[in-house]
Amino acid sequence: MTVLSTADQIEVDEPRHFITGPIRDAMAVAWRNLRALPRIPQYLVFSTIQPVIFVLMFRYVFGGAIKVPGPIPYVDYLIPGVFAQVVVFGSMGTAIGLATDMQSGLLERFRSLPMARSALLAGRTIADTVRNVFVVILMSLVGFGVGFRFHGGWLRFLAGCLLVLVFGYALSWVFASVGLLVGDPETAQAAGFPILAPLVFASSAFVPVSTMPGWLRAFANHQPVSITASAVRALFLGNNAKFLPNTASTTSLVLQTIAWAAGIVLVFGPLAVRRYRKAI
């Protein structure tokens, strides 16, 4: 049986409030997960190396063959899509982490503690969002190094980063459900890729949707990764976003992204909690 350290224990000798209690529980679990990251250096390496490879590959291998409308350099089109791709693939870590905890028996240990049932899931998704913050910072530095420049000012740049983090947090709840459903880290990773690959590659993340066949364009135009990538791109490009074809207003794209994120959490949050209760 897995034994929690003293720092991992949830304090039980203080009165619990029905609002602050679950929040404290979730923060304790999030801190536990963040502390564990340095102990898994291979996970940190692969979660950061992969997006760097994507940036370099699309910037220098495919960038010369991909044209975007107007005076927009391809690297300025690419980096917002990479931001979306990073948080989408990063959400798979939620499934793998929960499946690992489930396999090791840690979920049973948490259930024996007087803590909110949702705290384990909320703590995991919060920790993965914090990890995404560092990955987005790294991608920004890599992007600036390969020639990326934003044109809408610092506030719009920061708003775009925040928007993509919100979307990544929402996707974490989807893969929390997946991890609890399969209960095995290898299976969780295998189950996640067929879901993520069509969303990322059949989207506006790397190429304009207008270059796709009509039947695929209908899907790519309206799926959440395209909406998020287009919203972040519109924020980053500022006035230059008007040169992109079939682009809605920046406000409309941002609101659509927020709506997608809220809808995903409202649907998959309760499903994940319900699955957690059945899994242990």
Protein backbone atom coordinates (compact mmCIF):
# COMPACT_ATOMS: atom_id res chain seq x y z
CA MET A 1 0.00 0.00 0.00
CA THR A 2 1.28 3.46 -0.85
CA VAL A 3 1.92 5.58 2.23
CA LEU A 4 1.63 9.36 2.06
CA SER A 5 4.32 11.52 3.60
CA THR A 6 3.49 13.97 6.35
CA ALA A 7 3.37 16.80 3.83
CA ASP A 8 0.84 14.85 1.77
CA GLN A 9 -1.59 14.35 4.63
CA ILE A 10 -4.77 16.37 4.61
CA GLU A 11 -5.18 18.20 7.90
CA VAL A 12 -8.15 16.84 9.76
CA ASP A 13 -7.94 18.55 13.13
CA GLU A 14 -9.26 21.91 11.92
CA PRO A 15 -12.94 22.64 11.26
CA ARG A 16 -13.79 22.21 7.59
CA HIS A 17 -15.85 24.75 5.70
CA PHE A 18 -18.05 23.48 2.89
CA ILE A 19 -16.38 25.89 0.44
CA THR A 20 -12.82 26.41 1.68
CA GLY A 21 -12.42 22.75 2.68
CA PRO A 22 -12.59 21.32 -0.86
CA ILE A 23 -10.39 24.16 -2.13
CA ARG A 24 -7.72 23.38 0.46
CA ASP A 25 -7.96 19.69 -0.40
CA ALA A 26 -7.50 20.40 -4.10
CA MET A 27 -4.51 22.69 -3.43
CA ALA A 28 -2.89 20.01 -1.25
CA VAL A 29 -3.27 17.41 -4.00
CA ALA A 30 -2.00 19.85 -6.64
CA TRP A 31 1.07 20.61 -4.54
CA ARG A 32 1.72 16.89 -4.11
CA ASN A 33 1.60 16.35 -7.87
CA LEU A 34 3.87 19.33 -8.58
CA ARG A 35 6.42 18.13 -6.03
CA ALA A 36 6.52 14.77 -7.77
CA LEU A 37 7.48 16.23 -11.17
CA PRO A 38 11.22 16.69 -10.41
CA ARG A 39 11.32 13.01 -9.48
CA ILE A 40 10.26 12.08 -13.03
CA PRO A 41 12.80 13.95 -15.17
CA GLN A 42 12.04 11.84 -18.24
CA TYR A 43 8.42 13.07 -18.19
CA LEU A 44 9.55 16.69 -18.01
CA VAL A 45 12.04 16.17 -20.81
CA PHE A 46 9.58 14.53 -23.20
CA SER A 47 6.78 16.99 -22.38
CA THR A 48 9.06 19.89 -23.35
CA ILE A 49 11.22 18.35 -26.08
CA GLN A 50 8.25 17.30 -28.23
CA PRO A 51 6.84 20.82 -28.78
CA VAL A 52 10.34 22.17 -29.42
CA ILE A 53 10.76 19.55 -32.16
CA PHE A 54 7.40 20.58 -33.64
CA VAL A 55 8.47 24.22 -33.75
CA LEU A 56 11.81 23.47 -35.41
CA MET A 57 10.33 20.96 -37.85
CA PHE A 58 7.48 23.15 -39.07
CA ARG A 59 9.58 26.31 -39.02
CA TYR A 60 12.54 24.99 -41.01
CA VAL A 61 11.34 21.81 -42.76
CA PHE A 62 7.76 22.61 -43.82
CA GLY A 63 7.78 26.39 -43.39
CA GLY A 64 9.19 27.10 -46.82
CA ALA A 65 6.42 25.11 -48.52
CA ILE A 66 3.49 26.51 -46.51
CA LYS A 67 2.17 29.91 -47.53
CA VAL A 68 -0.22 32.07 -45.55
CA PRO A 69 -2.12 35.07 -46.95
CA GLY A 70 -0.95 38.63 -46.67
CA PRO A 71 2.27 39.89 -45.08
CA ILE A 72 2.14 37.37 -42.24
CA PRO A 73 5.33 35.28 -41.93
CA TYR A 74 4.61 31.60 -41.48
CA VAL A 75 6.38 31.56 -38.10
CA ASP A 76 3.90 34.13 -36.78
CA TYR A 77 1.07 31.90 -37.99
CA LEU A 78 2.70 28.77 -36.60
CA ILE A 79 3.50 29.64 -32.98
CA PRO A 80 -0.11 30.23 -31.83
CA GLY A 81 -0.98 26.83 -33.27
CA VAL A 82 1.95 25.27 -31.43
CA PHE A 83 0.66 26.79 -28.20
CA ALA A 84 -2.68 25.04 -28.79
CA GLN A 85 -0.94 21.79 -29.74
CA VAL A 86 1.20 21.88 -26.59
CA VAL A 87 -1.71 22.12 -24.16
CA VAL A 88 -3.79 19.60 -26.12
CA PHE A 89 -1.10 16.91 -26.03
CA GLY A 90 -0.17 17.95 -22.48
CA SER A 91 -3.68 17.09 -21.32
CA MET A 92 -2.84 13.43 -21.96
CA GLY A 93 -0.63 13.65 -18.88
CA THR A 94 -3.76 13.91 -16.73
CA ALA A 95 -4.97 10.54 -17.99
CA ILE A 96 -1.58 8.91 -17.52
CA GLY A 97 -1.12 10.36 -14.02
CA LEU A 98 -4.55 9.31 -12.78
CA ALA A 99 -4.20 5.86 -14.30
CA THR A 100 -0.84 5.49 -12.55
CA ASP A 101 -2.32 6.55 -9.19
CA MET A 102 -5.19 4.14 -9.73
CA GLN A 103 -2.88 1.26 -10.55
CA SER A 104 -0.63 1.93 -7.54
CA GLY A 105 -3.53 1.97 -5.08
CA LEU A 106 -3.09 5.63 -4.18
CA LEU A 107 -6.72 6.41 -5.00
CA GLU A 108 -7.88 4.06 -2.26
CA ARG A 109 -5.57 5.83 0.18
CA PHE A 110 -7.02 9.21 -0.73
CA ARG A 111 -10.53 7.91 -0.39
CA SER A 112 -9.82 6.88 3.20
CA LEU A 113 -9.03 10.50 4.05
CA PRO A 114 -11.75 13.02 5.02
CA MET A 115 -11.44 15.07 1.84
CA ALA A 116 -13.74 16.18 -0.96
CA ARG A 117 -14.25 13.54 -3.65
CA SER A 118 -13.53 16.12 -6.37
CA ALA A 119 -10.26 17.27 -4.76
CA LEU A 120 -8.09 14.55 -6.30
CA LEU A 121 -9.29 15.39 -9.80
CA ALA A 122 -9.25 19.16 -9.30
CA GLY A 123 -5.76 18.96 -7.81
CA ARG A 124 -4.48 16.89 -10.72
CA THR A 125 -5.93 19.25 -13.35
CA ILE A 126 -4.59 22.31 -11.51
CA ALA A 127 -1.10 20.79 -11.29
CA ASP A 128 -1.15 19.96 -15.01
CA THR A 129 -2.22 23.54 -15.78
CA VAL A 130 0.73 24.88 -13.76
CA ARG A 131 3.02 22.59 -15.74
CA ASN A 132 1.48 23.98 -18.94
CA VAL A 133 2.41 27.48 -17.78
CA PHE A 134 6.09 26.56 -17.82
CA VAL A 135 5.76 24.79 -21.18
CA VAL A 136 4.06 27.85 -22.73
CA ILE A 137 6.85 30.07 -21.38
CA LEU A 138 9.41 27.72 -22.94
CA MET A 139 7.53 27.74 -26.26
CA SER A 140 7.46 31.54 -26.20
CA LEU A 141 11.23 31.68 -25.78
CA VAL A 142 11.77 29.10 -28.53
CA GLY A 143 9.35 30.99 -30.78
CA PHE A 144 11.15 34.29 -30.26
CA GLY A 145 14.41 32.47 -30.99
CA VAL A 146 13.19 31.26 -34.40
CA GLY A 147 11.76 34.62 -35.45
CA PHE A 148 8.25 34.78 -34.00
CA ARG A 149 6.92 38.26 -33.22
CA PHE A 150 3.50 39.25 -31.88
CA HIS A 151 1.84 42.37 -33.27
CA GLY A 152 -0.98 43.14 -30.86
CA GLY A 153 0.95 44.32 -27.82
CA TRP A 154 1.86 42.62 -24.57
CA LEU A 155 -1.65 42.60 -23.14
CA ARG A 156 -3.04 40.72 -26.13
CA PHE A 157 -0.07 38.34 -26.04
CA LEU A 158 -0.67 37.55 -22.36
CA ALA A 159 -4.42 37.21 -23.02
CA GLY A 160 -3.67 34.65 -25.74
CA CYS A 161 -1.43 32.67 -23.38
CA LEU A 162 -4.12 32.73 -20.68
CA LEU A 163 -6.78 31.64 -23.18
CA VAL A 164 -4.80 28.61 -24.30
CA LEU A 165 -4.16 27.63 -20.67
CA VAL A 166 -7.89 27.81 -19.93
CA PHE A 167 -8.57 25.51 -22.89
CA GLY A 168 -5.86 23.11 -21.73
CA TYR A 169 -7.40 23.00 -18.27
CA ALA A 170 -10.77 22.08 -19.77
CA LEU A 171 -9.23 19.25 -21.81
CA SER A 172 -7.60 17.88 -18.66
CA TRP A 173 -11.07 16.95 -17.42
CA VAL A 174 -11.71 14.97 -20.59
CA PHE A 175 -8.57 12.92 -20.03
CA ALA A 176 -9.22 12.60 -16.32
CA SER A 177 -12.26 10.59 -17.41
CA VAL A 178 -10.15 8.58 -19.83
CA GLY A 179 -7.50 7.76 -17.23
CA LEU A 180 -10.05 6.61 -14.69
CA LEU A 181 -11.88 4.58 -17.33
CA VAL A 182 -8.90 2.56 -18.56
CA GLY A 183 -6.99 2.39 -15.25
CA ASP A 184 -3.62 1.68 -16.87
CA PRO A 185 -1.00 4.30 -17.89
CA GLU A 186 0.06 2.57 -21.11
CA THR A 187 -3.55 2.09 -22.20
CA ALA A 188 -4.35 5.69 -21.25
CA GLN A 189 -1.60 6.95 -23.54
CA ALA A 190 -2.70 4.66 -26.36
CA ALA A 191 -6.35 5.70 -25.93
CA GLY A 192 -5.55 9.40 -25.89
CA PHE A 193 -3.67 9.69 -29.16
CA PRO A 194 -6.54 8.67 -31.51
CA ILE A 195 -8.64 11.38 -29.86
CA LEU A 196 -6.00 14.09 -29.98
CA ALA A 197 -4.42 13.50 -33.39
CA PRO A 198 -7.49 14.40 -35.51
CA LEU A 199 -8.21 17.43 -33.33
CA VAL A 200 -4.66 18.79 -33.68
CA PHE A 201 -3.77 17.95 -37.27
CA ALA A 202 -7.22 18.48 -38.83
CA SER A 203 -7.27 22.04 -37.51
CA SER A 204 -5.96 25.50 -38.22
CA ALA A 205 -3.00 24.94 -35.87
CA PHE A 206 -0.36 24.44 -38.58
CA VAL A 207 -1.99 25.29 -41.93
CA PRO A 208 -4.90 27.48 -43.05
CA VAL A 209 -8.16 25.54 -43.10
CA SER A 210 -8.89 26.96 -46.58
CA THR A 211 -6.25 24.59 -48.03
CA MET A 212 -8.16 21.48 -46.91
CA PRO A 213 -10.77 19.52 -48.90
CA GLY A 214 -14.33 20.72 -48.45
CA TRP A 215 -15.50 17.72 -46.38
CA LEU A 216 -12.58 18.14 -43.96
CA ARG A 217 -12.86 21.92 -43.89
CA ALA A 218 -16.37 21.68 -42.47
CA PHE A 219 -15.01 19.77 -39.47
CA ALA A 220 -11.81 21.80 -39.10
CA ASN A 221 -13.60 25.15 -39.10
CA HIS A 222 -15.80 24.33 -36.11
CA GLN A 223 -13.83 21.98 -33.88
CA PRO A 224 -12.45 23.40 -30.59
CA VAL A 225 -8.72 23.21 -31.35
CA SER A 226 -9.19 25.27 -34.53
CA ILE A 227 -11.29 27.81 -32.66
CA THR A 228 -8.68 28.10 -29.91
CA ALA A 229 -5.72 28.33 -32.28
CA SER A 230 -7.52 30.97 -34.36
CA ALA A 231 -8.45 32.98 -31.26
CA VAL A 232 -4.88 32.96 -29.93
CA ARG A 233 -3.57 33.81 -33.40
CA ALA A 234 -5.97 36.74 -33.73
CA LEU A 235 -4.82 38.08 -30.37
CA PHE A 236 -1.15 37.70 -31.28
CA LEU A 237 -1.39 39.13 -34.81
CA GLY A 238 -3.47 42.20 -33.96
CA ASN A 239 -4.44 44.08 -37.11
CA ASN A 240 -2.59 41.57 -39.30
CA ALA A 241 -5.27 38.98 -38.47
CA LYS A 242 -7.52 40.62 -41.07
CA PHE A 243 -5.42 39.03 -43.82
CA LEU A 244 -6.37 35.51 -42.73
CA PRO A 245 -9.24 34.03 -44.77
CA ASN A 246 -12.66 33.37 -43.25
CA THR A 247 -11.59 34.60 -39.83
CA ALA A 248 -14.29 35.77 -37.43
CA SER A 249 -13.68 38.77 -35.20
CA THR A 250 -11.21 38.38 -32.37
CA THR A 251 -13.97 38.89 -29.80
CA SER A 252 -16.11 36.20 -31.40
CA LEU A 253 -13.24 33.69 -31.48
CA VAL A 254 -12.30 34.36 -27.85
CA LEU A 255 -15.91 33.95 -26.70
CA GLN A 256 -16.24 30.72 -28.70
CA THR A 257 -13.09 29.36 -27.06
CA ILE A 258 -14.36 30.23 -23.59
CA ALA A 259 -17.72 28.64 -24.42
CA TRP A 260 -15.99 25.45 -25.60
CA ALA A 261 -13.86 25.33 -22.43
CA ALA A 262 -16.84 25.91 -20.14
CA GLY A 263 -18.92 23.32 -21.97
CA ILE A 264 -16.18 20.70 -21.78
CA VAL A 265 -15.74 21.21 -18.01
CA LEU A 266 -19.50 21.17 -17.39
CA VAL A 267 -19.84 17.86 -19.26
CA PHE A 268 -16.67 16.00 -18.33
CA GLY A 269 -16.15 17.37 -14.81
CA PRO A 270 -19.18 15.53 -13.36
CA LEU A 271 -18.41 12.48 -15.52
CA ALA A 272 -14.88 12.31 -14.15
CA VAL A 273 -16.06 12.65 -10.54
CA ARG A 274 -18.68 9.96 -11.10
CA ARG A 275 -16.09 7.66 -12.68
CA TYR A 276 -13.74 8.30 -9.76
CA ARG A 277 -16.42 7.22 -7.27
CA LYS A 278 -17.01 4.01 -9.22
CA ALA A 279 -13.34 3.26 -9.75
CA ILE A 280 -12.42 2.87 -6.09
